[in-house]
N, C-alpha and C. Protein backbone atom coordinates (compact mmCIF):
# COMPACT_ATOMS: atom_id res chain seq x y z
N MET A 1 -138.58 17.16 -95.68
CA MET A 1 -139.32 15.94 -95.31
C MET A 1 -138.58 15.24 -94.16
N THR A 2 -139.27 14.93 -93.10
CA THR A 2 -138.66 14.25 -91.96
C THR A 2 -138.57 12.76 -92.23
N VAL A 3 -137.71 12.11 -91.45
CA VAL A 3 -137.55 10.66 -91.62
C VAL A 3 -138.85 9.94 -91.40
N SER A 4 -139.61 10.36 -90.35
CA SER A 4 -140.83 9.65 -90.00
C SER A 4 -141.94 9.84 -91.01
N SER A 5 -141.80 10.83 -91.91
CA SER A 5 -142.85 11.08 -92.89
C SER A 5 -142.65 10.27 -94.16
N ILE A 6 -141.49 9.58 -94.30
CA ILE A 6 -141.22 8.80 -95.49
C ILE A 6 -142.04 7.51 -95.43
N ALA A 7 -142.76 7.22 -96.50
CA ALA A 7 -143.62 6.04 -96.50
C ALA A 7 -142.78 4.77 -96.50
N TYR A 8 -143.22 3.78 -95.77
CA TYR A 8 -142.55 2.49 -95.77
C TYR A 8 -143.28 1.58 -96.75
N VAL A 9 -142.55 0.62 -97.29
CA VAL A 9 -143.09 -0.25 -98.33
C VAL A 9 -143.66 -1.54 -97.75
N ALA A 10 -142.98 -2.13 -96.79
CA ALA A 10 -143.37 -3.43 -96.26
C ALA A 10 -144.69 -3.36 -95.51
N ASP A 11 -145.41 -4.48 -95.51
CA ASP A 11 -146.63 -4.62 -94.73
C ASP A 11 -146.24 -5.23 -93.38
N PHE A 12 -146.42 -4.46 -92.32
CA PHE A 12 -146.01 -4.92 -90.99
C PHE A 12 -147.13 -5.64 -90.24
N ARG A 13 -148.28 -5.81 -90.89
CA ARG A 13 -149.38 -6.47 -90.20
C ARG A 13 -149.04 -7.92 -89.81
N PRO A 14 -148.41 -8.72 -90.70
CA PRO A 14 -148.06 -10.09 -90.28
C PRO A 14 -147.14 -10.12 -89.06
N MET A 15 -146.23 -9.16 -88.97
CA MET A 15 -145.35 -9.09 -87.81
C MET A 15 -146.13 -8.71 -86.56
N GLY A 16 -147.11 -7.83 -86.74
CA GLY A 16 -147.97 -7.47 -85.61
C GLY A 16 -148.77 -8.66 -85.12
N ILE A 17 -149.29 -9.44 -86.05
CA ILE A 17 -150.07 -10.64 -85.69
C ILE A 17 -149.17 -11.65 -84.97
N ALA A 18 -147.96 -11.86 -85.50
CA ALA A 18 -147.03 -12.79 -84.86
C ALA A 18 -146.68 -12.32 -83.45
N LEU A 19 -146.47 -11.02 -83.31
CA LEU A 19 -146.15 -10.47 -81.99
C LEU A 19 -147.34 -10.62 -81.04
N LEU A 20 -148.55 -10.42 -81.56
CA LEU A 20 -149.75 -10.59 -80.74
C LEU A 20 -149.87 -12.03 -80.25
N VAL A 21 -149.61 -12.99 -81.11
CA VAL A 21 -149.66 -14.41 -80.72
C VAL A 21 -148.66 -14.68 -79.60
N LEU A 22 -147.46 -14.11 -79.73
CA LEU A 22 -146.44 -14.30 -78.69
C LEU A 22 -146.86 -13.66 -77.38
N VAL A 23 -147.49 -12.50 -77.45
CA VAL A 23 -147.97 -11.84 -76.24
C VAL A 23 -149.00 -12.72 -75.54
N ILE A 24 -149.94 -13.25 -76.31
CA ILE A 24 -150.98 -14.13 -75.73
C ILE A 24 -150.34 -15.36 -75.10
N LEU A 25 -149.37 -15.96 -75.80
CA LEU A 25 -148.70 -17.15 -75.27
C LEU A 25 -147.95 -16.81 -73.98
N PHE A 26 -147.32 -15.63 -73.95
CA PHE A 26 -146.61 -15.22 -72.74
C PHE A 26 -147.58 -15.06 -71.57
N MET A 27 -148.73 -14.45 -71.82
CA MET A 27 -149.71 -14.25 -70.76
C MET A 27 -150.25 -15.59 -70.26
N ILE A 28 -150.39 -16.56 -71.17
CA ILE A 28 -150.80 -17.91 -70.75
C ILE A 28 -149.74 -18.49 -69.82
N GLY A 29 -148.48 -18.32 -70.20
CA GLY A 29 -147.40 -18.81 -69.35
C GLY A 29 -147.37 -18.12 -68.01
N ALA A 30 -147.57 -16.81 -68.01
CA ALA A 30 -147.53 -16.04 -66.76
C ALA A 30 -148.64 -16.44 -65.81
N SER A 31 -149.78 -16.88 -66.37
CA SER A 31 -150.91 -17.24 -65.52
C SER A 31 -151.01 -18.74 -65.25
N SER A 32 -150.12 -19.52 -65.87
CA SER A 32 -150.24 -20.98 -65.74
C SER A 32 -149.80 -21.48 -64.37
N ALA A 33 -148.90 -20.76 -63.73
CA ALA A 33 -148.39 -21.20 -62.42
C ALA A 33 -149.21 -20.57 -61.30
N ALA A 34 -149.70 -21.41 -60.41
CA ALA A 34 -150.48 -20.91 -59.26
C ALA A 34 -149.64 -19.96 -58.41
N TYR A 35 -148.34 -20.17 -58.42
CA TYR A 35 -147.42 -19.31 -57.65
C TYR A 35 -147.61 -17.84 -58.01
N PHE A 36 -147.71 -17.55 -59.31
CA PHE A 36 -147.80 -16.16 -59.76
C PHE A 36 -149.22 -15.62 -59.71
N ARG A 37 -150.19 -16.50 -59.43
CA ARG A 37 -151.57 -16.04 -59.23
C ARG A 37 -151.82 -15.74 -57.76
N HIS A 38 -150.85 -16.00 -56.94
CA HIS A 38 -150.95 -15.76 -55.50
C HIS A 38 -150.57 -14.32 -55.21
N PHE A 39 -151.49 -13.55 -54.61
CA PHE A 39 -151.20 -12.15 -54.33
C PHE A 39 -151.43 -11.83 -52.86
N PRO A 40 -150.45 -11.20 -52.21
CA PRO A 40 -149.13 -10.87 -52.78
C PRO A 40 -148.28 -12.12 -52.93
N LEU A 41 -147.23 -12.00 -53.72
CA LEU A 41 -146.34 -13.15 -53.91
C LEU A 41 -145.74 -13.56 -52.57
N PRO A 42 -145.61 -14.86 -52.33
CA PRO A 42 -145.08 -15.32 -51.04
C PRO A 42 -143.63 -14.89 -50.84
N THR A 43 -143.29 -14.63 -49.59
CA THR A 43 -141.91 -14.28 -49.25
C THR A 43 -141.24 -15.36 -48.41
N ASP A 44 -142.04 -16.19 -47.74
CA ASP A 44 -141.51 -17.26 -46.91
C ASP A 44 -141.06 -18.43 -47.81
N PRO A 45 -139.81 -18.89 -47.69
CA PRO A 45 -139.31 -19.97 -48.55
C PRO A 45 -140.17 -21.23 -48.51
N LEU A 46 -140.66 -21.60 -47.32
CA LEU A 46 -141.46 -22.82 -47.21
C LEU A 46 -142.79 -22.66 -47.95
N GLU A 47 -143.39 -21.49 -47.83
CA GLU A 47 -144.65 -21.24 -48.55
C GLU A 47 -144.41 -21.28 -50.06
N LYS A 48 -143.29 -20.74 -50.51
CA LYS A 48 -142.95 -20.78 -51.92
C LYS A 48 -142.85 -22.23 -52.39
N LEU A 49 -142.14 -23.04 -51.63
CA LEU A 49 -141.94 -24.43 -52.00
C LEU A 49 -143.26 -25.20 -52.05
N LYS A 50 -144.15 -24.93 -51.12
CA LYS A 50 -145.44 -25.62 -51.09
C LYS A 50 -146.27 -25.27 -52.33
N LEU A 51 -146.26 -23.99 -52.72
CA LEU A 51 -147.01 -23.59 -53.91
C LEU A 51 -146.45 -24.24 -55.16
N ILE A 52 -145.13 -24.32 -55.24
CA ILE A 52 -144.49 -24.94 -56.40
C ILE A 52 -144.77 -26.43 -56.43
N ALA A 53 -144.67 -27.10 -55.27
CA ALA A 53 -144.88 -28.55 -55.20
C ALA A 53 -146.32 -28.92 -55.55
N LYS A 54 -147.27 -28.09 -55.17
CA LYS A 54 -148.68 -28.38 -55.44
C LYS A 54 -149.07 -28.13 -56.90
N ASP A 55 -148.24 -27.41 -57.61
CA ASP A 55 -148.57 -27.05 -58.99
C ASP A 55 -147.36 -27.26 -59.88
N ARG A 56 -146.84 -28.47 -59.84
CA ARG A 56 -145.62 -28.75 -60.59
C ARG A 56 -145.80 -28.56 -62.10
N VAL A 57 -146.98 -28.92 -62.62
CA VAL A 57 -147.23 -28.80 -64.06
C VAL A 57 -147.26 -27.32 -64.47
N GLY A 58 -148.03 -26.52 -63.74
CA GLY A 58 -148.13 -25.10 -64.07
C GLY A 58 -146.80 -24.39 -63.91
N TRP A 59 -146.08 -24.72 -62.83
CA TRP A 59 -144.79 -24.10 -62.59
C TRP A 59 -143.80 -24.45 -63.71
N SER A 60 -143.81 -25.71 -64.14
CA SER A 60 -142.92 -26.13 -65.22
C SER A 60 -143.33 -25.49 -66.55
N ALA A 61 -144.63 -25.31 -66.74
CA ALA A 61 -145.12 -24.73 -67.99
C ALA A 61 -144.58 -23.32 -68.18
N GLN A 62 -144.65 -22.50 -67.13
CA GLN A 62 -144.16 -21.13 -67.29
C GLN A 62 -142.65 -21.12 -67.50
N ALA A 63 -141.95 -22.07 -66.89
CA ALA A 63 -140.49 -22.13 -67.05
C ALA A 63 -140.10 -22.47 -68.48
N ILE A 64 -140.98 -23.17 -69.19
CA ILE A 64 -140.71 -23.53 -70.59
C ILE A 64 -141.24 -22.47 -71.54
N ILE A 65 -142.45 -21.95 -71.26
CA ILE A 65 -143.08 -21.00 -72.17
C ILE A 65 -142.31 -19.68 -72.26
N PHE A 66 -141.82 -19.18 -71.13
CA PHE A 66 -141.16 -17.88 -71.16
C PHE A 66 -139.98 -17.84 -72.13
N PRO A 67 -139.00 -18.75 -72.04
CA PRO A 67 -137.88 -18.67 -72.99
C PRO A 67 -138.30 -18.91 -74.43
N VAL A 68 -139.32 -19.74 -74.65
CA VAL A 68 -139.82 -19.96 -76.01
C VAL A 68 -140.34 -18.65 -76.58
N VAL A 69 -141.09 -17.90 -75.77
CA VAL A 69 -141.63 -16.62 -76.24
C VAL A 69 -140.52 -15.60 -76.45
N TYR A 70 -139.54 -15.59 -75.55
CA TYR A 70 -138.42 -14.66 -75.72
C TYR A 70 -137.69 -14.95 -77.04
N ALA A 71 -137.48 -16.21 -77.34
CA ALA A 71 -136.83 -16.58 -78.60
C ALA A 71 -137.69 -16.16 -79.79
N GLY A 72 -139.00 -16.39 -79.68
CA GLY A 72 -139.92 -16.01 -80.75
C GLY A 72 -139.95 -14.51 -80.98
N THR A 73 -139.92 -13.74 -79.90
CA THR A 73 -139.92 -12.28 -80.02
C THR A 73 -138.64 -11.80 -80.68
N THR A 74 -137.52 -12.43 -80.37
CA THR A 74 -136.26 -12.10 -81.03
C THR A 74 -136.38 -12.29 -82.54
N ILE A 75 -137.00 -13.38 -82.96
CA ILE A 75 -137.19 -13.66 -84.38
C ILE A 75 -138.07 -12.61 -85.03
N VAL A 76 -139.17 -12.24 -84.37
CA VAL A 76 -140.09 -11.23 -84.92
C VAL A 76 -139.39 -9.87 -85.02
N PHE A 77 -138.60 -9.53 -84.00
CA PHE A 77 -137.84 -8.27 -84.06
C PHE A 77 -136.88 -8.29 -85.25
N GLY A 78 -136.20 -9.41 -85.47
CA GLY A 78 -135.31 -9.51 -86.61
C GLY A 78 -136.07 -9.39 -87.93
N TRP A 79 -137.25 -9.95 -87.97
CA TRP A 79 -138.12 -9.86 -89.15
C TRP A 79 -138.47 -8.40 -89.42
N MET A 80 -138.82 -7.66 -88.37
CA MET A 80 -139.15 -6.25 -88.54
C MET A 80 -137.93 -5.46 -89.00
N ALA A 81 -136.77 -5.78 -88.42
CA ALA A 81 -135.55 -5.07 -88.80
C ALA A 81 -135.26 -5.24 -90.29
N ALA A 82 -135.53 -6.43 -90.81
CA ALA A 82 -135.26 -6.71 -92.22
C ALA A 82 -136.19 -5.94 -93.15
N GLN A 83 -137.35 -5.52 -92.64
CA GLN A 83 -138.32 -4.82 -93.47
C GLN A 83 -138.10 -3.30 -93.48
N LEU A 84 -137.29 -2.80 -92.56
CA LEU A 84 -137.06 -1.35 -92.50
C LEU A 84 -135.96 -0.99 -93.49
N SER A 85 -136.28 -0.08 -94.40
CA SER A 85 -135.36 0.24 -95.48
C SER A 85 -134.40 1.39 -95.14
N LEU A 86 -134.80 2.27 -94.24
CA LEU A 86 -133.96 3.41 -93.90
C LEU A 86 -132.83 2.99 -92.96
N THR A 87 -131.69 3.62 -93.09
CA THR A 87 -130.48 3.18 -92.39
C THR A 87 -130.63 3.21 -90.88
N TRP A 88 -130.97 4.39 -90.31
CA TRP A 88 -131.03 4.49 -88.84
C TRP A 88 -132.12 3.61 -88.24
N PRO A 89 -133.33 3.62 -88.77
CA PRO A 89 -134.35 2.72 -88.21
C PRO A 89 -133.92 1.25 -88.25
N ARG A 90 -133.29 0.85 -89.35
CA ARG A 90 -132.87 -0.56 -89.45
C ARG A 90 -131.80 -0.89 -88.41
N TRP A 91 -130.83 -0.01 -88.24
CA TRP A 91 -129.78 -0.26 -87.26
C TRP A 91 -130.32 -0.29 -85.84
N LEU A 92 -131.27 0.61 -85.55
CA LEU A 92 -131.90 0.58 -84.23
C LEU A 92 -132.65 -0.73 -84.01
N ALA A 93 -133.34 -1.18 -85.07
CA ALA A 93 -134.09 -2.43 -84.97
C ALA A 93 -133.15 -3.63 -84.83
N ILE A 94 -132.01 -3.58 -85.51
CA ILE A 94 -131.03 -4.65 -85.35
C ILE A 94 -130.50 -4.67 -83.92
N GLY A 95 -130.23 -3.47 -83.38
CA GLY A 95 -129.80 -3.38 -81.99
C GLY A 95 -130.84 -3.94 -81.05
N ALA A 96 -132.13 -3.63 -81.32
CA ALA A 96 -133.22 -4.16 -80.50
C ALA A 96 -133.26 -5.68 -80.56
N THR A 97 -133.05 -6.23 -81.76
CA THR A 97 -133.06 -7.68 -81.94
C THR A 97 -131.94 -8.34 -81.15
N LEU A 98 -130.75 -7.76 -81.24
CA LEU A 98 -129.60 -8.32 -80.52
C LEU A 98 -129.80 -8.25 -79.01
N LEU A 99 -130.36 -7.14 -78.53
CA LEU A 99 -130.62 -7.00 -77.09
C LEU A 99 -131.66 -8.02 -76.63
N PHE A 100 -132.68 -8.25 -77.44
CA PHE A 100 -133.69 -9.23 -77.05
C PHE A 100 -133.09 -10.64 -77.05
N ALA A 101 -132.18 -10.89 -78.00
CA ALA A 101 -131.51 -12.19 -78.03
C ALA A 101 -130.69 -12.39 -76.76
N VAL A 102 -130.00 -11.34 -76.32
CA VAL A 102 -129.24 -11.42 -75.08
C VAL A 102 -130.18 -11.64 -73.89
N GLY A 103 -131.33 -10.93 -73.91
CA GLY A 103 -132.32 -11.11 -72.86
C GLY A 103 -132.81 -12.54 -72.80
N PHE A 104 -133.02 -13.15 -73.97
CA PHE A 104 -133.42 -14.56 -74.02
C PHE A 104 -132.36 -15.45 -73.38
N LEU A 105 -131.10 -15.23 -73.73
CA LEU A 105 -130.01 -16.04 -73.17
C LEU A 105 -129.89 -15.85 -71.67
N LEU A 106 -130.11 -14.62 -71.21
CA LEU A 106 -130.02 -14.35 -69.77
C LEU A 106 -131.17 -14.97 -68.99
N TRP A 107 -132.29 -15.25 -69.66
CA TRP A 107 -133.41 -15.88 -68.98
C TRP A 107 -133.23 -17.39 -68.86
N LEU A 108 -132.44 -17.99 -69.73
CA LEU A 108 -132.28 -19.45 -69.71
C LEU A 108 -131.84 -19.99 -68.35
N PRO A 109 -130.85 -19.37 -67.67
CA PRO A 109 -130.49 -19.88 -66.34
C PRO A 109 -131.64 -19.81 -65.34
N ILE A 110 -132.50 -18.80 -65.50
CA ILE A 110 -133.66 -18.65 -64.61
C ILE A 110 -134.63 -19.80 -64.85
N SER A 111 -134.91 -20.10 -66.11
CA SER A 111 -135.83 -21.19 -66.42
C SER A 111 -135.27 -22.54 -65.98
N ILE A 112 -133.97 -22.73 -66.18
CA ILE A 112 -133.34 -23.99 -65.76
C ILE A 112 -133.47 -24.15 -64.24
N ASP A 113 -133.24 -23.05 -63.52
CA ASP A 113 -133.36 -23.10 -62.06
C ASP A 113 -134.80 -23.38 -61.64
N ARG A 114 -135.77 -22.81 -62.37
CA ARG A 114 -137.17 -23.04 -62.03
C ARG A 114 -137.59 -24.48 -62.32
N LEU A 115 -137.08 -25.05 -63.39
CA LEU A 115 -137.37 -26.46 -63.67
C LEU A 115 -136.76 -27.36 -62.61
N ARG A 116 -135.58 -26.99 -62.14
CA ARG A 116 -134.95 -27.75 -61.05
C ARG A 116 -135.81 -27.69 -59.80
N LEU A 117 -136.36 -26.51 -59.51
CA LEU A 117 -137.23 -26.37 -58.34
C LEU A 117 -138.47 -27.24 -58.46
N ALA A 118 -139.01 -27.36 -59.68
CA ALA A 118 -140.20 -28.18 -59.88
C ALA A 118 -139.94 -29.62 -59.48
N SER A 119 -138.75 -30.12 -59.77
CA SER A 119 -138.42 -31.52 -59.45
C SER A 119 -137.93 -31.69 -58.01
N ASP A 120 -137.40 -30.62 -57.42
CA ASP A 120 -136.80 -30.73 -56.08
C ASP A 120 -137.68 -30.21 -54.96
N ALA A 121 -138.81 -29.56 -55.28
CA ALA A 121 -139.61 -28.87 -54.26
C ALA A 121 -140.06 -29.81 -53.14
N SER A 122 -140.57 -30.99 -53.50
CA SER A 122 -141.07 -31.92 -52.48
C SER A 122 -139.95 -32.35 -51.53
N GLU A 123 -138.80 -32.64 -52.08
CA GLU A 123 -137.67 -33.06 -51.26
C GLU A 123 -137.19 -31.92 -50.36
N LEU A 124 -137.19 -30.71 -50.91
CA LEU A 124 -136.77 -29.55 -50.12
C LEU A 124 -137.73 -29.30 -48.96
N ILE A 125 -139.02 -29.58 -49.19
CA ILE A 125 -140.00 -29.42 -48.11
C ILE A 125 -139.75 -30.45 -47.01
N GLU A 126 -139.49 -31.69 -47.40
CA GLU A 126 -139.25 -32.75 -46.42
C GLU A 126 -138.02 -32.46 -45.56
N ASN A 127 -137.01 -31.86 -46.17
CA ASN A 127 -135.76 -31.60 -45.46
C ASN A 127 -135.63 -30.14 -45.02
N TYR A 128 -136.75 -29.45 -44.98
CA TYR A 128 -136.72 -28.01 -44.71
C TYR A 128 -136.23 -27.72 -43.28
N ASP A 129 -135.29 -26.82 -43.19
CA ASP A 129 -134.75 -26.38 -41.90
C ASP A 129 -134.99 -24.88 -41.77
N PRO A 130 -135.91 -24.48 -40.86
CA PRO A 130 -136.22 -23.04 -40.71
C PRO A 130 -134.99 -22.21 -40.36
N ALA A 131 -134.02 -22.84 -39.72
CA ALA A 131 -132.81 -22.10 -39.34
C ALA A 131 -131.88 -21.87 -40.52
N ALA A 132 -132.04 -22.68 -41.56
CA ALA A 132 -131.20 -22.53 -42.75
C ALA A 132 -132.03 -22.79 -44.00
N PRO A 133 -132.98 -21.89 -44.29
CA PRO A 133 -133.86 -22.09 -45.45
C PRO A 133 -133.09 -22.03 -46.76
N PRO A 134 -133.52 -22.78 -47.76
CA PRO A 134 -132.83 -22.75 -49.06
C PRO A 134 -133.00 -21.39 -49.74
N ASP A 135 -132.01 -21.01 -50.51
CA ASP A 135 -132.06 -19.75 -51.25
C ASP A 135 -132.74 -20.02 -52.58
N LEU A 136 -134.03 -19.63 -52.69
CA LEU A 136 -134.82 -19.97 -53.86
C LEU A 136 -134.81 -18.83 -54.89
N MET A 137 -134.80 -19.22 -56.16
CA MET A 137 -134.90 -18.27 -57.28
C MET A 137 -133.93 -17.11 -57.12
N ALA A 138 -132.68 -17.45 -56.86
CA ALA A 138 -131.66 -16.44 -56.61
C ALA A 138 -130.70 -16.28 -57.78
N VAL A 139 -131.11 -16.73 -58.98
CA VAL A 139 -130.24 -16.59 -60.15
C VAL A 139 -130.01 -15.12 -60.43
N SER A 140 -128.77 -14.74 -60.67
CA SER A 140 -128.39 -13.32 -60.69
C SER A 140 -128.58 -12.63 -62.04
N THR A 141 -129.15 -13.33 -63.02
CA THR A 141 -129.27 -12.73 -64.35
C THR A 141 -130.58 -11.97 -64.56
N PHE A 142 -131.45 -11.93 -63.55
CA PHE A 142 -132.77 -11.34 -63.72
C PHE A 142 -132.70 -9.87 -64.15
N TRP A 143 -131.91 -9.07 -63.43
CA TRP A 143 -131.89 -7.64 -63.74
C TRP A 143 -131.26 -7.36 -65.09
N ALA A 144 -130.21 -8.07 -65.43
CA ALA A 144 -129.59 -7.88 -66.74
C ALA A 144 -130.59 -8.23 -67.85
N HIS A 145 -131.33 -9.31 -67.64
CA HIS A 145 -132.38 -9.70 -68.59
C HIS A 145 -133.43 -8.60 -68.71
N THR A 146 -133.89 -8.09 -67.58
CA THR A 146 -134.95 -7.08 -67.58
C THR A 146 -134.52 -5.83 -68.34
N TYR A 147 -133.32 -5.35 -68.08
CA TYR A 147 -132.86 -4.13 -68.76
C TYR A 147 -132.64 -4.37 -70.24
N CYS A 148 -132.18 -5.56 -70.62
CA CYS A 148 -132.01 -5.86 -72.04
C CYS A 148 -133.35 -5.85 -72.77
N VAL A 149 -134.37 -6.45 -72.16
CA VAL A 149 -135.69 -6.52 -72.80
C VAL A 149 -136.30 -5.12 -72.91
N LEU A 150 -136.24 -4.34 -71.83
CA LEU A 150 -136.82 -3.00 -71.88
C LEU A 150 -136.06 -2.10 -72.85
N ALA A 151 -134.74 -2.24 -72.90
CA ALA A 151 -133.95 -1.46 -73.86
C ALA A 151 -134.29 -1.87 -75.29
N ALA A 152 -134.50 -3.17 -75.50
CA ALA A 152 -134.86 -3.66 -76.83
C ALA A 152 -136.21 -3.09 -77.27
N ILE A 153 -137.17 -3.05 -76.37
CA ILE A 153 -138.49 -2.50 -76.69
C ILE A 153 -138.37 -1.01 -77.01
N ALA A 154 -137.55 -0.30 -76.23
CA ALA A 154 -137.35 1.13 -76.48
C ALA A 154 -136.73 1.36 -77.85
N LEU A 155 -135.70 0.60 -78.19
CA LEU A 155 -135.05 0.76 -79.48
C LEU A 155 -135.98 0.41 -80.64
N MET A 156 -136.77 -0.67 -80.48
CA MET A 156 -137.68 -1.04 -81.56
C MET A 156 -138.78 0.01 -81.72
N GLY A 157 -139.26 0.55 -80.60
CA GLY A 157 -140.25 1.62 -80.70
C GLY A 157 -139.69 2.80 -81.47
N ALA A 158 -138.46 3.19 -81.16
CA ALA A 158 -137.82 4.31 -81.85
C ALA A 158 -137.60 3.98 -83.33
N ALA A 159 -137.21 2.74 -83.62
CA ALA A 159 -136.98 2.33 -85.01
C ALA A 159 -138.27 2.42 -85.82
N LEU A 160 -139.37 1.94 -85.25
CA LEU A 160 -140.65 1.97 -85.96
C LEU A 160 -141.15 3.41 -86.12
N ALA A 161 -140.84 4.26 -85.14
CA ALA A 161 -141.24 5.67 -85.25
C ALA A 161 -140.43 6.36 -86.35
N LEU A 162 -139.12 6.21 -86.32
CA LEU A 162 -138.27 6.86 -87.31
C LEU A 162 -138.49 6.29 -88.71
N GLY A 163 -138.87 5.02 -88.78
CA GLY A 163 -139.12 4.39 -90.07
C GLY A 163 -140.48 4.71 -90.65
N GLY A 164 -141.29 5.47 -89.92
CA GLY A 164 -142.60 5.86 -90.42
C GLY A 164 -143.66 4.79 -90.27
N VAL A 165 -143.34 3.70 -89.57
CA VAL A 165 -144.31 2.62 -89.39
C VAL A 165 -145.29 2.98 -88.28
N LEU A 166 -144.75 3.40 -87.14
CA LEU A 166 -145.58 3.86 -86.01
C LEU A 166 -145.02 5.22 -85.58
N PRO A 167 -145.27 6.25 -86.36
CA PRO A 167 -144.62 7.55 -86.12
C PRO A 167 -144.90 8.16 -84.76
N THR A 168 -146.06 7.91 -84.20
CA THR A 168 -146.39 8.43 -82.87
C THR A 168 -146.32 7.33 -81.82
N LEU A 169 -146.99 6.22 -82.10
CA LEU A 169 -147.06 5.13 -81.12
C LEU A 169 -145.68 4.55 -80.82
N GLY A 170 -144.81 4.55 -81.83
CA GLY A 170 -143.47 4.03 -81.61
C GLY A 170 -142.73 4.81 -80.53
N TRP A 171 -142.84 6.13 -80.58
CA TRP A 171 -142.20 6.96 -79.55
C TRP A 171 -142.85 6.75 -78.19
N ILE A 172 -144.16 6.56 -78.18
CA ILE A 172 -144.86 6.32 -76.91
C ILE A 172 -144.35 5.03 -76.27
N VAL A 173 -144.26 3.96 -77.06
CA VAL A 173 -143.77 2.68 -76.54
C VAL A 173 -142.33 2.82 -76.06
N ALA A 174 -141.50 3.52 -76.85
CA ALA A 174 -140.10 3.72 -76.46
C ALA A 174 -140.01 4.47 -75.13
N GLY A 175 -140.81 5.53 -74.99
CA GLY A 175 -140.80 6.30 -73.75
C GLY A 175 -141.28 5.50 -72.56
N ILE A 176 -142.32 4.69 -72.77
CA ILE A 176 -142.83 3.85 -71.68
C ILE A 176 -141.78 2.84 -71.25
N ALA A 177 -141.05 2.27 -72.21
CA ALA A 177 -140.02 1.28 -71.87
C ALA A 177 -138.90 1.90 -71.05
N VAL A 178 -138.48 3.11 -71.43
CA VAL A 178 -137.43 3.80 -70.66
C VAL A 178 -137.94 4.13 -69.26
N ALA A 179 -139.18 4.63 -69.17
CA ALA A 179 -139.76 4.95 -67.86
C ALA A 179 -139.89 3.69 -67.01
N SER A 180 -140.22 2.57 -67.64
CA SER A 180 -140.36 1.31 -66.92
C SER A 180 -139.04 0.88 -66.30
N ALA A 181 -137.94 1.05 -67.05
CA ALA A 181 -136.63 0.70 -66.51
C ALA A 181 -136.30 1.53 -65.28
N LEU A 182 -136.63 2.82 -65.34
CA LEU A 182 -136.36 3.71 -64.19
C LEU A 182 -137.24 3.34 -62.99
N ILE A 183 -138.51 3.03 -63.27
CA ILE A 183 -139.42 2.63 -62.19
C ILE A 183 -138.96 1.32 -61.56
N ALA A 184 -138.55 0.38 -62.40
CA ALA A 184 -138.09 -0.91 -61.89
C ALA A 184 -136.86 -0.76 -61.01
N ALA A 185 -135.95 0.12 -61.43
CA ALA A 185 -134.68 0.26 -60.71
C ALA A 185 -134.81 1.08 -59.43
N PHE A 186 -135.59 2.17 -59.49
CA PHE A 186 -135.55 3.14 -58.39
C PHE A 186 -136.83 3.21 -57.55
N VAL A 187 -137.92 2.64 -58.04
CA VAL A 187 -139.19 2.73 -57.30
C VAL A 187 -139.62 1.35 -56.80
N TRP A 188 -139.83 0.42 -57.72
CA TRP A 188 -140.34 -0.90 -57.34
C TRP A 188 -139.24 -1.84 -56.85
N HIS A 189 -138.03 -1.66 -57.36
CA HIS A 189 -136.93 -2.59 -57.08
C HIS A 189 -137.32 -4.02 -57.49
N ASP A 190 -138.14 -4.11 -58.51
CA ASP A 190 -138.60 -5.38 -59.06
C ASP A 190 -139.25 -5.07 -60.40
N TRP A 191 -139.49 -6.10 -61.19
CA TRP A 191 -140.19 -5.89 -62.46
C TRP A 191 -140.87 -7.16 -62.90
N PRO A 192 -142.22 -7.19 -62.87
CA PRO A 192 -142.93 -8.36 -63.38
C PRO A 192 -142.75 -8.45 -64.90
N PRO A 193 -142.15 -9.51 -65.43
CA PRO A 193 -141.88 -9.59 -66.87
C PRO A 193 -143.11 -9.43 -67.74
N PHE A 194 -144.29 -9.81 -67.22
CA PHE A 194 -145.48 -9.73 -68.07
C PHE A 194 -145.80 -8.28 -68.45
N ILE A 195 -145.36 -7.30 -67.65
CA ILE A 195 -145.64 -5.91 -67.98
C ILE A 195 -144.90 -5.51 -69.26
N SER A 196 -143.70 -6.06 -69.44
CA SER A 196 -142.97 -5.78 -70.68
C SER A 196 -143.78 -6.23 -71.88
N TYR A 197 -144.52 -7.34 -71.70
CA TYR A 197 -145.33 -7.83 -72.81
C TYR A 197 -146.64 -7.05 -72.97
N VAL A 198 -147.02 -6.30 -71.98
CA VAL A 198 -148.14 -5.36 -72.16
C VAL A 198 -147.70 -4.27 -73.13
N TRP A 199 -146.45 -3.80 -72.99
CA TRP A 199 -145.95 -2.77 -73.92
C TRP A 199 -145.82 -3.36 -75.32
N LEU A 200 -145.40 -4.61 -75.41
CA LEU A 200 -145.33 -5.25 -76.73
C LEU A 200 -146.72 -5.48 -77.32
N LEU A 201 -147.72 -5.67 -76.46
CA LEU A 201 -149.10 -5.78 -76.93
C LEU A 201 -149.53 -4.49 -77.60
N ILE A 202 -149.18 -3.35 -77.00
CA ILE A 202 -149.50 -2.06 -77.61
C ILE A 202 -148.84 -1.94 -78.98
N MET A 203 -147.57 -2.35 -79.05
CA MET A 203 -146.85 -2.32 -80.33
C MET A 203 -147.53 -3.22 -81.36
N ALA A 204 -147.91 -4.43 -80.93
CA ALA A 204 -148.54 -5.38 -81.84
C ALA A 204 -149.86 -4.84 -82.39
N ILE A 205 -150.68 -4.26 -81.52
CA ILE A 205 -151.96 -3.70 -81.97
C ILE A 205 -151.72 -2.57 -82.95
N GLY A 206 -150.72 -1.73 -82.66
CA GLY A 206 -150.38 -0.64 -83.57
C GLY A 206 -149.97 -1.15 -84.94
N LEU A 207 -149.16 -2.19 -85.00
CA LEU A 207 -148.72 -2.75 -86.27
C LEU A 207 -149.88 -3.35 -87.05
N ILE A 208 -150.78 -4.03 -86.34
CA ILE A 208 -151.95 -4.61 -87.00
C ILE A 208 -152.89 -3.52 -87.51
N TRP A 209 -153.09 -2.51 -86.68
CA TRP A 209 -154.04 -1.43 -87.02
C TRP A 209 -153.55 -0.62 -88.22
N THR A 210 -152.25 -0.31 -88.23
CA THR A 210 -151.72 0.52 -89.31
C THR A 210 -151.51 -0.27 -90.58
N GLY A 211 -151.49 -1.62 -90.44
CA GLY A 211 -151.28 -2.44 -91.63
C GLY A 211 -152.45 -2.35 -92.59
């Protein structure tokens, strides 16, 4: 009998529902700022500042919603880890929870910087010097945060697969998360955080469906 064929006892549907709510909240945050609805994203510092200044409420909303959702996802991951009875799946899930917690902490400086921009954008526009434009959104924790979140999703997918909760879908989510990290690093040289929550949406639907 393989590990993935062992039946699990806990009902993971409530965790799937909680994760789905967090995904929806994250998508609301991602779409609340006019800045992120602008395609392609602006590259000129003055244009960035104007978009932020015109939509201070939406810009501030995403800066608050993102870390709240990251914290909530950490809690849900911990909840799932507690329900896994087998040793390896539980340890993988605990690792996923810790990595997501680190990802949450690494995002806090980004949100703090974005909230600062919301209050300073108008003044920065008034004092704007094209010869010496301000360095906007240059907090250095973005990539560390991104890799922690994608690694956490990969580990949780593997944990759910090995624990028999999502024996096939768990591996698919884990593989997608690993591929995403490689694409972000070597192809796009960027990573929209909302895509990570698309992978978590797949996980959430799987947990609800199998429940």
